[in-house]
Protein backbone atom coordinates (compact mmCIF):
# COMPACT_ATOMS: atom_id res chain seq x y z
CA UNK A 1 44.79 101.88 123.40
CA UNK A 2 44.32 100.16 120.05
CA UNK A 3 47.04 98.72 118.02
CA UNK A 4 46.85 101.23 115.25
CA UNK A 5 47.17 104.25 117.54
CA UNK A 6 50.15 102.58 119.24
CA UNK A 7 51.89 102.13 115.99
CA UNK A 8 51.03 105.50 114.92
CA UNK A 9 52.51 107.16 118.11
CA UNK A 10 55.75 105.17 117.55
CA UNK A 11 56.05 106.69 114.09
CA UNK A 12 55.04 110.16 115.32
CA UNK A 13 57.68 109.95 118.05
CA UNK A 14 60.28 108.90 115.45
CA UNK A 15 59.26 111.85 113.35
CA UNK A 16 59.36 114.32 116.08
CA UNK A 17 62.89 113.14 116.92
CA UNK A 18 64.02 114.10 113.44
CA UNK A 19 62.34 117.58 113.10
CA UNK A 20 60.65 120.17 115.51
CA UNK A 21 57.08 119.51 115.94
CA UNK A 22 54.51 121.13 118.40
CA UNK A 23 52.27 118.89 120.62
CA UNK A 24 49.32 119.66 118.32
CA UNK A 25 51.22 118.70 115.22
CA UNK A 26 52.29 115.37 116.75
CA UNK A 27 48.82 114.60 117.97
CA UNK A 28 47.21 115.33 114.50
CA UNK A 29 49.93 113.41 112.67
CA UNK A 30 49.28 110.37 115.04
CA UNK A 31 45.60 110.50 114.38
CA UNK A 32 45.96 110.67 110.62
CA UNK A 33 48.53 107.93 110.62
CA UNK A 34 46.29 105.73 112.66
CA UNK A 35 43.36 106.15 110.48
CA UNK A 36 45.52 105.53 107.36
CA UNK A 37 47.01 102.51 108.91
CA UNK A 38 43.48 101.29 109.68
CA UNK A 39 42.25 101.99 106.06
CA UNK A 40 45.08 100.01 104.63
CA UNK A 41 44.78 96.94 106.64
CA UNK A 42 41.08 96.70 106.39
CA UNK A 43 40.16 93.53 104.21
CA UNK A 44 38.18 94.15 101.05
CA UNK A 45 34.52 92.80 101.55
CA UNK A 46 33.82 89.94 99.14
CA UNK A 47 30.66 91.44 98.02
CA UNK A 48 32.21 94.88 97.30
CA UNK A 49 35.14 93.19 95.22
CA UNK A 50 32.47 90.98 93.33
CA UNK A 51 30.34 94.09 92.55
CA UNK A 52 33.15 96.38 91.24
CA UNK A 53 35.11 93.74 89.54
CA UNK A 54 38.60 92.12 89.42
CA UNK A 55 41.40 94.65 90.37
CA UNK A 56 43.65 93.39 87.57
CA UNK A 57 40.82 93.87 85.08
CA UNK A 58 39.93 97.32 86.46
CA UNK A 59 42.47 99.11 84.30
CA UNK A 60 41.39 98.99 80.65
CA UNK A 61 42.40 100.44 77.28
CA UNK A 62 40.13 103.62 77.69
CA UNK A 63 38.90 103.67 81.36
CA UNK A 64 39.76 102.76 84.89
CA UNK A 65 37.14 101.42 87.30
CA UNK A 66 37.41 102.59 90.81
CA UNK A 67 37.22 99.49 92.84
CA UNK A 68 35.64 101.34 95.96
CA UNK A 69 32.72 103.15 94.22
CA UNK A 70 32.58 101.60 90.64
CA UNK A 71 33.09 105.02 88.80
CA UNK A 72 34.75 104.80 85.38
CA UNK A 73 37.20 107.46 84.82
CA UNK A 74 40.43 108.01 82.73
CA UNK A 75 42.60 108.66 85.70
CA UNK A 76 42.05 107.55 89.42
CA UNK A 77 43.30 110.90 91.00
CA UNK A 78 44.49 111.46 94.49
CA UNK A 79 41.37 113.80 94.95
CA UNK A 80 39.03 110.98 93.91
CA UNK A 81 40.69 108.40 96.26
CA UNK A 82 40.67 111.07 99.04
CA UNK A 83 36.81 110.80 99.01
CA UNK A 84 37.27 107.22 99.85
CA UNK A 85 39.92 107.92 102.63
CA UNK A 86 42.66 106.38 100.59
CA UNK A 87 45.94 107.40 99.11
CA UNK A 88 47.14 105.97 95.69
CA UNK A 89 49.62 103.68 97.54
CA UNK A 90 46.91 102.56 100.07
CA UNK A 91 44.47 101.96 97.09
CA UNK A 92 47.17 99.64 95.34
CA UNK A 93 47.87 97.79 98.54
CA UNK A 94 44.23 97.40 99.56
CA UNK A 95 43.30 95.83 96.07
CA UNK A 96 46.54 93.96 95.59
CA UNK A 97 47.87 95.87 92.69
CA UNK A 98 51.67 96.08 92.18
CA UNK A 99 53.40 99.04 93.71
CA UNK A 100 54.20 100.90 90.48
CA UNK A 101 50.94 100.21 88.70
CA UNK A 102 49.72 103.53 86.98
CA UNK A 103 46.12 104.53 88.14
CA UNK A 104 45.29 105.64 84.65
CA UNK A 105 43.85 103.99 81.49
CA UNK A 106 46.28 102.10 79.23
CA UNK A 107 45.92 104.55 76.30
CA UNK A 108 46.90 107.60 78.42
CA UNK A 109 49.92 105.67 79.70
CA UNK A 110 50.97 104.80 76.26
CA UNK A 111 50.42 108.63 75.15
CA UNK A 112 52.61 109.67 77.96
CA UNK A 113 55.38 107.20 77.24
CA UNK A 114 55.50 108.34 73.48
CA UNK A 115 55.61 111.97 74.45
CA UNK A 116 58.65 111.30 76.72
CA UNK A 117 60.26 109.32 73.85
CA UNK A 118 59.64 112.30 71.52
CA UNK A 119 61.28 114.79 74.05
CA UNK A 120 64.39 112.70 74.48
CA UNK A 121 65.28 114.39 77.74
CA UNK A 122 68.19 112.18 78.42
CA UNK A 123 69.99 113.56 75.30
CA UNK A 124 69.45 117.18 76.40
CA UNK A 125 71.03 116.39 79.77
CA UNK A 126 74.10 114.92 78.15
CA UNK A 127 74.48 117.97 75.85
CA UNK A 128 74.18 120.46 78.70
CA UNK A 129 77.02 118.76 80.72
């Protein structure tokens, strides 16, 4: 049994001890975990990284370049990353991005921050108390 599957079975066993799971659920959970662990730990091929650019330069003012396929988009959505067999967290780990790095272009992040500042939700919460 490969190392990924044994680790996945340990995690699935711990999960099953916390909540009720059928045998099929445990098996499916372990399979998906094993493939996820394998995707996260695979090294990035040198030629792929050179072709699609530097991970830190992939997030620009008006676009984000997917480091797997080279697509230029405004936001790297979960749906897009699923096509490559990755989650947003696995993508960040795979390409060495920091944990909280937004996978959207800088202008969009700035717009969202400004919108939150205008809403001032923290003041509304104090008034409601």
